[in-house]
PDB file of N, CA and C in Angstrom:
ATOM      1  N   MET A   1     104.388 106.073 107.915  1.00  0.00           N
ATOM      2  CA  MET A   1     103.435 106.419 107.146  1.00  0.00           C
ATOM      3  C   MET A   1     103.301 105.355 107.082  1.00  0.00           C
ATOM      4  N   SER A   2     102.097 103.860 107.348  1.00  0.00           N
ATOM      5  CA  SER A   2     102.179 102.662 106.724  1.00  0.00           C
ATOM      6  C   SER A   2     100.970 102.811 106.176  1.00  0.00           C
ATOM      7  N   GLN A   3      99.824 104.134 105.860  1.00  0.00           N
ATOM      8  CA  GLN A   3      99.309 104.327 104.797  1.00  0.00           C
ATOM      9  C   GLN A   3      99.474 104.212 102.962  1.00  0.00           C
ATOM     10  N   TRP A   4     101.089 104.508 103.327  1.00  0.00           N
ATOM     11  CA  TRP A   4     101.677 104.935 102.095  1.00  0.00           C
ATOM     12  C   TRP A   4     102.447 103.650 101.636  1.00  0.00           C
ATOM     13  N   THR A   5     101.864 102.796 101.440  1.00  0.00           N
ATOM     14  CA  THR A   5     102.859 101.334 101.242  1.00  0.00           C
ATOM     15  C   THR A   5     102.275 100.926 100.144  1.00  0.00           C
ATOM     16  N   ASP A   6     102.913  99.583  99.050  1.00  0.00           N
ATOM     17  CA  ASP A   6     102.580  99.744  98.141  1.00  0.00           C
ATOM     18  C   ASP A   6     101.656  98.774  97.991  1.00  0.00           C
ATOM     19  N   LYS A   7     101.433  98.013  99.212  1.00  0.00           N
ATOM     20  CA  LYS A   7      99.952  97.871  98.617  1.00  0.00           C
ATOM     21  C   LYS A   7      98.774  97.760  98.517  1.00  0.00           C
ATOM     22  N   ASN A   8      98.801  99.443  98.677  1.00  0.00           N
ATOM     23  CA  ASN A   8      97.853 100.735  97.823  1.00  0.00           C
ATOM     24  C   ASN A   8      98.194 101.222  96.050  1.00  0.00           C
ATOM     25  N   VAL A   9      98.859 100.467  95.835  1.00  0.00           N
ATOM     26  CA  VAL A   9      99.342 100.621  94.327  1.00  0.00           C
ATOM     27  C   VAL A   9      97.419 100.207  93.505  1.00  0.00           C
ATOM     28  N   LYS A  10      97.309 101.010  93.064  1.00  0.00           N
ATOM     29  CA  LYS A  10      96.498 101.655  91.865  1.00  0.00           C
ATOM     30  C   LYS A  10      96.429 100.854  89.847  1.00  0.00           C
ATOM     31  N   SER A  11      95.967 100.285  90.146  1.00  0.00           N
ATOM     32  CA  SER A  11      95.607  99.857  88.875  1.00  0.00           C
ATOM     33  C   SER A  11      94.757 101.110  88.034  1.00  0.00           C
ATOM     34  N   LEU A  12      95.354 101.741  87.032  1.00  0.00           N
ATOM     35  CA  LEU A  12      94.965 102.817  86.197  1.00  0.00           C
ATOM     36  C   LEU A  12      94.025 102.313  84.822  1.00  0.00           C
ATOM     37  N   ASN A  13      93.284 102.770  84.101  1.00  0.00           N
ATOM     38  CA  ASN A  13      93.102 103.113  82.971  1.00  0.00           C
ATOM     39  C   ASN A  13      93.958 104.048  82.378  1.00  0.00           C
ATOM     40  N   GLY A  14      94.089 104.459  81.060  1.00  0.00           N
ATOM     41  CA  GLY A  14      94.562 105.653  80.397  1.00  0.00           C
ATOM     42  C   GLY A  14      94.311 106.624  80.526  1.00  0.00           C
ATOM     43  N   SER A  15      92.805 106.967  81.272  1.00  0.00           N
ATOM     44  CA  SER A  15      92.342 108.220  81.133  1.00  0.00           C
ATOM     45  C   SER A  15      93.121 108.585  82.813  1.00  0.00           C
ATOM     46  N   GLN A  16      92.858 107.268  84.062  1.00  0.00           N
ATOM     47  CA  GLN A  16      92.317 107.953  85.076  1.00  0.00           C
ATOM     48  C   GLN A  16      94.215 108.761  84.993  1.00  0.00           C
ATOM     49  N   LEU A  17      94.755 107.490  83.987  1.00  0.00           N
ATOM     50  CA  LEU A  17      96.350 107.781  84.625  1.00  0.00           C
ATOM     51  C   LEU A  17      96.849 109.316  83.981  1.00  0.00           C
ATOM     52  N   LEU A  18      96.156 109.514  83.041  1.00  0.00           N
ATOM     53  CA  LEU A  18      96.378 110.930  82.837  1.00  0.00           C
ATOM     54  C   LEU A  18      96.671 111.902  83.504  1.00  0.00           C
ATOM     55  N   ALA A  19      94.961 111.843  84.239  1.00  0.00           N
ATOM     56  CA  ALA A  19      94.241 112.744  84.493  1.00  0.00           C
ATOM     57  C   ALA A  19      95.493 112.814  86.919  1.00  0.00           C
ATOM     58  N   ALA A  20      96.227 111.957  86.533  1.00  0.00           N
ATOM     59  CA  ALA A  20      96.358 111.589  88.053  1.00  0.00           C
ATOM     60  C   ALA A  20      97.652 112.634  87.516  1.00  0.00           C
ATOM     61  N   LEU A  21      98.632 112.176  87.004  1.00  0.00           N
ATOM     62  CA  LEU A  21      99.736 113.296  86.328  1.00  0.00           C
ATOM     63  C   LEU A  21      99.581 114.186  85.956  1.00  0.00           C
ATOM     64  N   SER A  22      98.341 114.417  85.263  1.00  0.00           N
ATOM     65  CA  SER A  22      98.075 115.590  85.165  1.00  0.00           C
ATOM     66  C   SER A  22      97.398 116.866  86.780  1.00  0.00           C
ATOM     67  N   ALA A  23      97.237 116.135  86.892  1.00  0.00           N
ATOM     68  CA  ALA A  23      97.311 117.088  88.871  1.00  0.00           C
ATOM     69  C   ALA A  23      97.830 116.829  89.266  1.00  0.00           C
ATOM     70  N   LEU A  24      98.962 116.559  89.357  1.00  0.00           N
ATOM     71  CA  LEU A  24     100.116 117.007  90.063  1.00  0.00           C
ATOM     72  C   LEU A  24     101.267 117.263  89.319  1.00  0.00           C
ATOM     73  N   ALA A  25     100.977 117.761  87.964  1.00  0.00           N
ATOM     74  CA  ALA A  25     101.929 118.566  87.443  1.00  0.00           C
ATOM     75  C   ALA A  25     102.401 119.637  87.693  1.00  0.00           C
ATOM     76  N   MET A  26     102.067 120.646  88.791  1.00  0.00           N
ATOM     77  CA  MET A  26     101.763 121.535  89.308  1.00  0.00           C
ATOM     78  C   MET A  26     102.679 122.105  90.626  1.00  0.00           C
ATOM     79  N   PRO A  27     103.309 122.491  91.079  1.00  0.00           N
ATOM     80  CA  PRO A  27     103.989 122.811  92.309  1.00  0.00           C
ATOM     81  C   PRO A  27     102.627 123.095  93.557  1.00  0.00           C
ATOM     82  N   HIS A  28     101.920 123.639  93.296  1.00  0.00           N
ATOM     83  CA  HIS A  28     100.992 124.403  93.929  1.00  0.00           C
ATOM     84  C   HIS A  28     100.373 122.525  94.331  1.00  0.00           C
ATOM     85  N   ARG A  29      99.930 121.647  93.892  1.00  0.00           N
ATOM     86  CA  ARG A  29      98.796 120.268  93.760  1.00  0.00           C
ATOM     87  C   ARG A  29      99.953 119.611  94.416  1.00  0.00           C
ATOM     88  N   LEU A  30     101.458 119.634  94.283  1.00  0.00           N
ATOM     89  CA  LEU A  30     102.273 118.568  94.660  1.00  0.00           C
ATOM     90  C   LEU A  30     101.971 119.103  97.389  1.00  0.00           C
ATOM     91  N   ARG A  31     101.884 120.343  97.256  1.00  0.00           N
ATOM     92  CA  ARG A  31     102.101 120.899  97.708  1.00  0.00           C
ATOM     93  C   ARG A  31     100.874 120.904  98.567  1.00  0.00           C
ATOM     94  N   ILE A  32      99.928 121.188  97.759  1.00  0.00           N
ATOM     95  CA  ILE A  32      98.321 121.072  99.121  1.00  0.00           C
ATOM     96  C   ILE A  32      98.573 119.443  99.250  1.00  0.00           C
ATOM     97  N   ILE A  33      98.910 118.094  98.348  1.00  0.00           N
ATOM     98  CA  ILE A  33      99.037 117.048  98.389  1.00  0.00           C
ATOM     99  C   ILE A  33      99.878 116.498  99.986  1.00  0.00           C
ATOM    100  N   ALA A  34     100.924 117.337  99.774  1.00  0.00           N
ATOM    101  CA  ALA A  34     102.173 116.987 101.012  1.00  0.00           C
ATOM    102  C   ALA A  34     101.765 117.742 102.412  1.00  0.00           C
ATOM    103  N   ALA A  35     100.940 118.728 102.614  1.00  0.00           N
ATOM    104  CA  ALA A  35     100.000 119.585 103.637  1.00  0.00           C
ATOM    105  C   ALA A  35      98.531 118.296 103.671  1.00  0.00           C
ATOM    106  N   LEU A  36      98.113 117.323 103.728  1.00  0.00           N
ATOM    107  CA  LEU A  36      97.297 117.292 103.798  1.00  0.00           C
ATOM    108  C   LEU A  36      97.565 115.806 104.176  1.00  0.00           C
ATOM    109  N   ALA A  37      98.753 115.265 103.377  1.00  0.00           N
ATOM    110  CA  ALA A  37      99.725 114.055 103.876  1.00  0.00           C
ATOM    111  C   ALA A  37      99.646 113.808 105.103  1.00  0.00           C
ATOM    112  N   LEU A  38     100.183 114.948 105.872  1.00  0.00           N
ATOM    113  CA  LEU A  38     100.922 115.234 107.013  1.00  0.00           C
ATOM    114  C   LEU A  38     100.338 115.677 108.002  1.00  0.00           C
ATOM    115  N   GLY A  39      99.354 116.583 107.557  1.00  0.00           N
ATOM    116  CA  GLY A  39      98.236 117.009 108.559  1.00  0.00           C
ATOM    117  C   GLY A  39      96.676 116.629 109.014  1.00  0.00           C
ATOM    118  N   GLY A  40      96.584 115.930 107.998  1.00  0.00           N
ATOM    119  CA  GLY A  40      95.522 115.444 107.951  1.00  0.00           C
ATOM    120  C   GLY A  40      94.704 116.311 107.483  1.00  0.00           C
ATOM    121  N   ARG A  41      93.191 115.821 107.283  1.00  0.00           N
ATOM    122  CA  ARG A  41      92.423 116.377 107.286  1.00  0.00           C
ATOM    123  C   ARG A  41      92.364 117.579 107.526  1.00  0.00           C
ATOM    124  N   ASN A  42      91.400 119.122 105.928  1.00  0.00           N
ATOM    125  CA  ASN A  42      91.882 119.663 106.559  1.00  0.00           C
ATOM    126  C   ASN A  42      90.698 120.381 106.458  1.00  0.00           C
ATOM    127  N   TYR A  43      90.105 121.924 106.640  1.00  0.00           N
ATOM    128  CA  TYR A  43      89.055 122.396 105.955  1.00  0.00           C
ATOM    129  C   TYR A  43      89.472 123.552 105.050  1.00  0.00           C
ATOM    130  N   VAL A  44      88.949 123.971 104.255  1.00  0.00           N
ATOM    131  CA  VAL A  44      90.128 125.061 103.088  1.00  0.00           C
ATOM    132  C   VAL A  44      90.302 126.228 103.308  1.00  0.00           C
ATOM    133  N   SER A  45      89.842 127.112 104.449  1.00  0.00           N
ATOM    134  CA  SER A  45      90.387 128.357 104.967  1.00  0.00           C
ATOM    135  C   SER A  45      91.607 128.276 104.807  1.00  0.00           C
ATOM    136  N   GLN A  46      91.606 127.049 106.162  1.00  0.00           N
ATOM    137  CA  GLN A  46      93.445 127.032 107.009  1.00  0.00           C
ATOM    138  C   GLN A  46      93.780 125.996 105.991  1.00  0.00           C
ATOM    139  N   LEU A  47      93.609 125.206 104.901  1.00  0.00           N
ATOM    140  CA  LEU A  47      94.315 125.570 104.029  1.00  0.00           C
ATOM    141  C   LEU A  47      95.598 126.346 103.485  1.00  0.00           C
ATOM    142  N   ALA A  48      94.032 126.608 102.929  1.00  0.00           N
ATOM    143  CA  ALA A  48      94.573 127.626 102.308  1.00  0.00           C
ATOM    144  C   ALA A  48      96.151 128.757 102.424  1.00  0.00           C
ATOM    145  N   ARG A  49      95.977 129.042 104.228  1.00  0.00           N
ATOM    146  CA  ARG A  49      97.075 129.960 104.162  1.00  0.00           C
ATOM    147  C   ARG A  49      98.021 128.783 104.810  1.00  0.00           C
ATOM    148  N   GLU A  50      97.976 126.840 105.183  1.00  0.00           N
ATOM    149  CA  GLU A  50      98.728 126.694 105.198  1.00  0.00           C
ATOM    150  C   GLU A  50     100.108 126.623 103.905  1.00  0.00           C
ATOM    151  N   VAL A  51      99.267 126.393 102.697  1.00  0.00           N
ATOM    152  CA  VAL A  51      99.915 126.046 101.607  1.00  0.00           C
ATOM    153  C   VAL A  51     100.358 127.983 101.047  1.00  0.00           C
ATOM    154  N   GLY A  52     100.085 128.724 101.311  1.00  0.00           N
ATOM    155  CA  GLY A  52     100.113 130.178 101.378  1.00  0.00           C
ATOM    156  C   GLY A  52      99.654 130.724  99.810  1.00  0.00           C
ATOM    157  N   ILE A  53      98.313 129.876  99.291  1.00  0.00           N
ATOM    158  CA  ILE A  53      97.664 130.574  98.195  1.00  0.00           C
ATOM    159  C   ILE A  53      96.640 130.956  98.674  1.00  0.00           C
ATOM    160  N   SER A  54      95.260 131.835  97.687  1.00  0.00           N
ATOM    161  CA  SER A  54      94.518 132.291  97.998  1.00  0.00           C
ATOM    162  C   SER A  54      93.597 131.767  97.980  1.00  0.00           C
ATOM    163  N   ARG A  55      92.206 131.583  98.328  1.00  0.00           N
ATOM    164  CA  ARG A  55      90.938 130.044  98.592  1.00  0.00           C
ATOM    165  C   ARG A  55      90.375 129.507  97.334  1.00  0.00           C
ATOM    166  N   PRO A  56      90.143 131.144  96.556  1.00  0.00           N
ATOM    167  CA  PRO A  56      90.071 131.326  94.763  1.00  0.00           C
ATOM    168  C   PRO A  56      90.595 129.825  94.527  1.00  0.00           C
ATOM    169  N   LEU A  57      92.142 130.460  94.401  1.00  0.00           N
ATOM    170  CA  LEU A  57      93.157 129.797  93.632  1.00  0.00           C
ATOM    171  C   LEU A  57      93.507 128.604  94.335  1.00  0.00           C
ATOM    172  N   LEU A  58      92.994 128.168  95.528  1.00  0.00           N
ATOM    173  CA  LEU A  58      93.037 126.667  95.965  1.00  0.00           C
ATOM    174  C   LEU A  58      91.932 125.454  95.599  1.00  0.00           C
ATOM    175  N   HIS A  59      90.662 126.536  95.755  1.00  0.00           N
ATOM    176  CA  HIS A  59      89.373 125.888  95.194  1.00  0.00           C
ATOM    177  C   HIS A  59      89.392 125.318  93.841  1.00  0.00           C
ATOM    178  N   LEU A  60      89.884 125.701  92.548  1.00  0.00           N
ATOM    179  CA  LEU A  60      90.832 125.479  91.326  1.00  0.00           C
ATOM    180  C   LEU A  60      91.530 124.556  91.087  1.00  0.00           C
ATOM    181  N   HIS A  61      92.919 124.211  92.486  1.00  0.00           N
ATOM    182  CA  HIS A  61      93.461 122.741  92.590  1.00  0.00           C
ATOM    183  C   HIS A  61      93.296 122.435  93.528  1.00  0.00           C
ATOM    184  N   LEU A  62      92.515 122.154  94.441  1.00  0.00           N
ATOM    185  CA  LEU A  62      91.413 120.772  94.615  1.00  0.00           C
ATOM    186  C   LEU A  62      91.013 120.236  93.682  1.00  0.00           C
ATOM    187  N   GLN A  63      89.893 120.914  92.967  1.00  0.00           N
ATOM    188  CA  GLN A  63      89.058 120.902  92.750  1.00  0.00           C
ATOM    189  C   GLN A  63      89.848 119.651  91.117  1.00  0.00           C
ATOM    190  N   LYS A  64      90.879 119.923  90.794  1.00  0.00           N
ATOM    191  CA  LYS A  64      91.230 118.783  89.802  1.00  0.00           C
ATOM    192  C   LYS A  64      92.366 117.908  90.599  1.00  0.00           C
ATOM    193  N   LEU A  65      92.459 118.242  91.738  1.00  0.00           N
ATOM    194  CA  LEU A  65      93.380 116.499  92.552  1.00  0.00           C
ATOM    195  C   LEU A  65      91.741 115.668  92.418  1.00  0.00           C
ATOM    196  N   GLN A  66      90.614 116.596  92.847  1.00  0.00           N
ATOM    197  CA  GLN A  66      89.036 115.237  93.061  1.00  0.00           C
ATOM    198  C   GLN A  66      88.562 114.960  92.263  1.00  0.00           C
ATOM    199  N   GLU A  67      88.823 115.587  90.599  1.00  0.00           N
ATOM    200  CA  GLU A  67      88.560 114.494  90.110  1.00  0.00           C
ATOM    201  C   GLU A  67      89.191 113.957  88.973  1.00  0.00           C
ATOM    202  N   ALA A  68      90.871 113.772  89.734  1.00  0.00           N
ATOM    203  CA  ALA A  68      91.505 112.478  89.440  1.00  0.00           C
ATOM    204  C   ALA A  68      91.853 111.591  91.171  1.00  0.00           C
ATOM    205  N   GLY A  69      91.257 111.462  91.710  1.00  0.00           N
ATOM    206  CA  GLY A  69      90.548 110.540  92.815  1.00  0.00           C
ATOM    207  C   GLY A  69      91.679 110.865  93.577  1.00  0.00           C
ATOM    208  N   LEU A  70      92.231 112.210  93.704  1.00  0.00           N
ATOM    209  CA  LEU A  70      93.716 112.218  94.745  1.00  0.00           C
ATOM    210  C   LEU A  70      93.406 112.537  96.211  1.00  0.00           C
ATOM    211  N   VAL A  71      91.875 113.721  96.145  1.00  0.00           N
ATOM    212  CA  VAL A  71      91.761 113.933  97.368  1.00  0.00           C
ATOM    213  C   VAL A  71      89.859 113.965  97.547  1.00  0.00           C
ATOM    214  N   THR A  72      89.318 113.602  98.335  1.00  0.00           N
ATOM    215  CA  THR A  72      88.140 114.029  98.309  1.00  0.00           C
ATOM    216  C   THR A  72      87.651 115.188  99.858  1.00  0.00           C
ATOM    217  N   SER A  73      85.954 115.731  99.647  1.00  0.00           N
ATOM    218  CA  SER A  73      85.570 116.027 100.603  1.00  0.00           C
ATOM    219  C   SER A  73      84.417 116.440 100.705  1.00  0.00           C
ATOM    220  N   LYS A  74      84.314 116.206 102.115  1.00  0.00           N
ATOM    221  CA  LYS A  74      83.021 116.210 103.051  1.00  0.00           C
ATOM    222  C   LYS A  74      82.635 117.548 103.973  1.00  0.00           C
ATOM    223  N   LEU A  75      81.624 117.985 103.406  1.00  0.00           N
ATOM    224  CA  LEU A  75      80.940 119.481 103.731  1.00  0.00           C
ATOM    225  C   LEU A  75      80.856 119.064 105.131  1.00  0.00           C
ATOM    226  N   GLU A  76      80.943 120.236 105.830  1.00  0.00           N
ATOM    227  CA  GLU A  76      80.525 119.315 107.905  1.00  0.00           C
ATOM    228  C   GLU A  76      79.669 121.036 108.353  1.00  0.00           C
ATOM    229  N   LEU A  77      79.154 121.078 109.493  1.00  0.00           N
ATOM    230  CA  LEU A  77      78.973 122.365 110.128  1.00  0.00           C
ATOM    231  C   LEU A  77      79.995 122.181 111.224  1.00  0.00           C
ATOM    232  N   SER A  78      79.702 124.215 111.467  1.00  0.00           N
ATOM    233  CA  SER A  78      80.440 124.018 112.285  1.00  0.00           C
ATOM    234  C   SER A  78      79.912 124.147 113.661  1.00  0.00           C
ATOM    235  N   SER A  79      80.623 123.606 115.085  1.00  0.00           N
ATOM    236  CA  SER A  79      79.853 123.945 116.113  1.00  0.00           C
ATOM    237  C   SER A  79      79.327 125.776 116.520  1.00  0.00           C
ATOM    238  N   ASP A  80      79.599 126.319 116.268  1.00  0.00           N
ATOM    239  CA  ASP A  80      78.954 128.081 115.339  1.00  0.00           C
ATOM    240  C   ASP A  80      77.883 127.931 114.094  1.00  0.00           C
ATOM    241  N   GLY A  81      77.574 127.152 113.153  1.00  0.00           N
ATOM    242  CA  GLY A  81      76.635 127.116 112.473  1.00  0.00           C
ATOM    243  C   GLY A  81      77.247 127.173 111.106  1.00  0.00           C
ATOM    244  N   LYS A  82      79.170 127.299 110.827  1.00  0.00           N
ATOM    245  CA  LYS A  82      79.288 127.558 109.189  1.00  0.00           C
ATOM    246  C   LYS A  82      79.595 125.806 109.010  1.00  0.00           C
ATOM    247  N   ALA A  83      79.861 126.662 107.530  1.00  0.00           N
ATOM    248  CA  ALA A  83      79.480 125.192 106.146  1.00  0.00           C
ATOM    249  C   ALA A  83      81.035 124.829 106.649  1.00  0.00           C
ATOM    250  N   LEU A  84      81.409 124.098 106.267  1.00  0.00           N
ATOM    251  CA  LEU A  84      83.181 124.129 106.397  1.00  0.00           C
ATOM    252  C   LEU A  84      83.764 123.354 105.700  1.00  0.00           C
ATOM    253  N   ASN A  85      84.293 123.345 104.276  1.00  0.00           N
ATOM    254  CA  ASN A  85      84.492 122.182 103.574  1.00  0.00           C
ATOM    255  C   ASN A  85      85.674 121.166 104.016  1.00  0.00           C
ATOM    256  N   TYR A  86      85.603 119.487 104.013  1.00  0.00           N
ATOM    257  CA  TYR A  86      86.959 119.823 104.648  1.00  0.00           C
ATOM    258  C   TYR A  86      87.785 118.627 103.598  1.00  0.00           C
ATOM    259  N   PHE A  87      88.979 118.496 102.698  1.00  0.00           N
ATOM    260  CA  PHE A  87      89.493 117.649 102.125  1.00  0.00           C
ATOM    261  C   PHE A  87      90.575 116.567 103.313  1.00  0.00           C
ATOM    262  N   GLU A  88      90.926 115.870 101.879  1.00  0.00           N
ATOM    263  CA  GLU A  88      91.728 114.784 102.620  1.00  0.00           C
ATOM    264  C   GLU A  88      92.585 114.085 101.356  1.00  0.00           C
ATOM    265  N   VAL A  89      93.597 113.580 101.821  1.00  0.00           N
ATOM    266  CA  VAL A  89      94.200 112.966 100.617  1.00  0.00           C
ATOM    267  C   VAL A  89      93.843 111.206 100.723  1.00  0.00           C
ATOM    268  N   THR A  90      93.629 111.476  99.385  1.00  0.00           N
ATOM    269  CA  THR A  90      93.388 109.208  99.015  1.00  0.00           C
ATOM    270  C   THR A  90      94.591 109.151  99.197  1.00  0.00           C
ATOM    271  N   SER A  91      94.580 107.734  99.716  1.00  0.00           N
ATOM    272  CA  SER A  91      95.102 106.186  99.621  1.00  0.00           C
ATOM    273  C   SER A  91      95.670 106.446  98.369  1.00  0.00           C
ATOM    274  N   PHE A  92      97.062 106.609  97.533  1.00  0.00           N
ATOM    275  CA  PHE A  92      96.962 106.231  96.464  1.00  0.00           C
ATOM    276  C   PHE A  92      98.225 106.434  96.219  1.00  0.00           C
ATOM    277  N   ASN A  93      98.901 105.214  94.895  1.00  0.00           N
ATOM    278  CA  ASN A  93     100.163 104.838  94.941  1.00  0.00           C
ATOM    279  C   ASN A  93     100.257 104.729  93.198  1.00  0.00           C
ATOM    280  N   ILE A  94     101.101 105.290  92.765  1.00  0.00           N
ATOM    281  CA  ILE A  94     100.820 104.918  91.342  1.00  0.00           C
ATOM    282  C   ILE A  94     101.698 104.440  90.988  1.00  0.00           C
ATOM    283  N   ALA A  95     102.398 103.196  90.616  1.00  0.00           N
ATOM    284  CA  ALA A  95     102.884 102.597  89.858  1.00  0.00           C
ATOM    285  C   ALA A  95     103.595 103.396  88.871  1.00  0.00           C
ATOM    286  N   LEU A  96     105.200 103.881  88.230  1.00  0.00           N
ATOM    287  CA  LEU A  96     104.954 104.856  87.286  1.00  0.00           C
ATOM    288  C   LEU A  96     105.194 103.859  86.238  1.00  0.00           C
ATOM    289  N   THR A  97     105.416 102.779  85.663  1.00  0.00           N
ATOM    290  CA  THR A  97     106.790 101.702  84.536  1.00  0.00           C
ATOM    291  C   THR A  97     105.933 101.264  83.597  1.00  0.00           C
ATOM    292  N   PRO A  98     106.874 102.017  82.787  1.00  0.00           N
ATOM    293  CA  PRO A  98     106.482 101.564  81.364  1.00  0.00           C
ATOM    294  C   PRO A  98     105.805 100.397  80.999  1.00  0.00           C
ATOM    295  N   ALA A  99     105.611  99.144  81.601  1.00  0.00           N
ATOM    296  CA  ALA A  99     104.615  98.544  81.162  1.00  0.00           C
ATOM    297  C   ALA A  99     103.134  98.681  82.095  1.00  0.00           C
ATOM    298  N   THR A 100     102.927  99.522  82.660  1.00  0.00           N
ATOM    299  CA  THR A 100     101.864 100.512  83.379  1.00  0.00           C
ATOM    300  C   THR A 100     101.506 101.700  82.145  1.00  0.00           C
ATOM    301  N   ILE A 101     102.265 102.337  82.172  1.00  0.00           N
ATOM    302  CA  ILE A 101     102.139 103.157  80.534  1.00  0.00           C
ATOM    303  C   ILE A 101     101.766 102.205  79.370  1.00  0.00           C
ATOM    304  N   VAL A 102     102.403 100.982  79.054  1.00  0.00           N
ATOM    305  CA  VAL A 102     101.545  99.998  78.232  1.00  0.00           C
ATOM    306  C   VAL A 102     100.071  99.528  78.251  1.00  0.00           C
ATOM    307  N   LYS A 103      99.902  99.334  79.655  1.00  0.00           N
ATOM    308  CA  LYS A 103      98.563  98.839  79.926  1.00  0.00           C
ATOM    309  C   LYS A 103      98.085  99.718  79.563  1.00  0.00           C
ATOM    310  N   ALA A 104      97.652 101.022  80.416  1.00  0.00           N
ATOM    311  CA  ALA A 104      96.887 101.910  80.318  1.00  0.00           C
ATOM    312  C   ALA A 104      96.507 102.499  78.793  1.00  0.00           C
ATOM    313  N   VAL A 105      97.724 102.042  78.177  1.00  0.00           N
ATOM    314  CA  VAL A 105      97.862 103.217  76.411  1.00  0.00           C
ATOM    315  C   VAL A 105      96.836 102.403  75.657  1.00  0.00           C
ATOM    316  N   LYS A 106      96.285 101.453  76.254  1.00  0.00           N
ATOM    317  CA  LYS A 106      95.943  99.991  75.493  1.00  0.00           C
ATOM    318  C   LYS A 106      94.405 100.372  75.936  1.00  0.00           C
ATOM    319  N   THR A 107      93.731 101.412  76.785  1.00  0.00           N
ATOM    320  CA  THR A 107      92.673 102.083  76.956  1.00  0.00           C
ATOM    321  C   THR A 107      91.734 102.949  76.688  1.00  0.00           C
ATOM    322  N   LEU A 108      93.105 103.796  75.784  1.00  0.00           N
ATOM    323  CA  LEU A 108      93.017 105.237  75.686  1.00  0.00           C
ATOM    324  C   LEU A 108      91.927 105.068  74.414  1.00  0.00           C
ATOM    325  N   ASN A 109      91.342 105.718  73.818  1.00  0.00           N
ATOM    326  CA  ASN A 109      90.271 105.889  72.347  1.00  0.00           C
ATOM    327  C   ASN A 109      91.501 106.960  71.390  1.00  0.00           C
TER     328      ASN A 109
END
């Protein structure tokens, strides 16, 4: 998977780092990221089945992941006219080191 390399390391400010870490601090959210990273973009109903959680719970987790910039969504119409909300993982690589924490802390209010 060449898309997950060090060249994608993001420099995050304190708020962004907290949002990303908070979003990733739950097992369901890690499973969602893993499912999207392995299987590519997916719509909510199928992703809920794959991850093994309800659609409302999945929506809650996807919202947090999207707010943190870790997933994106796109609403599309299927061939039968149904609206499908597709999600995909963004290309991210968050380096968590003492130096990045010091840098991020300086931007916190």
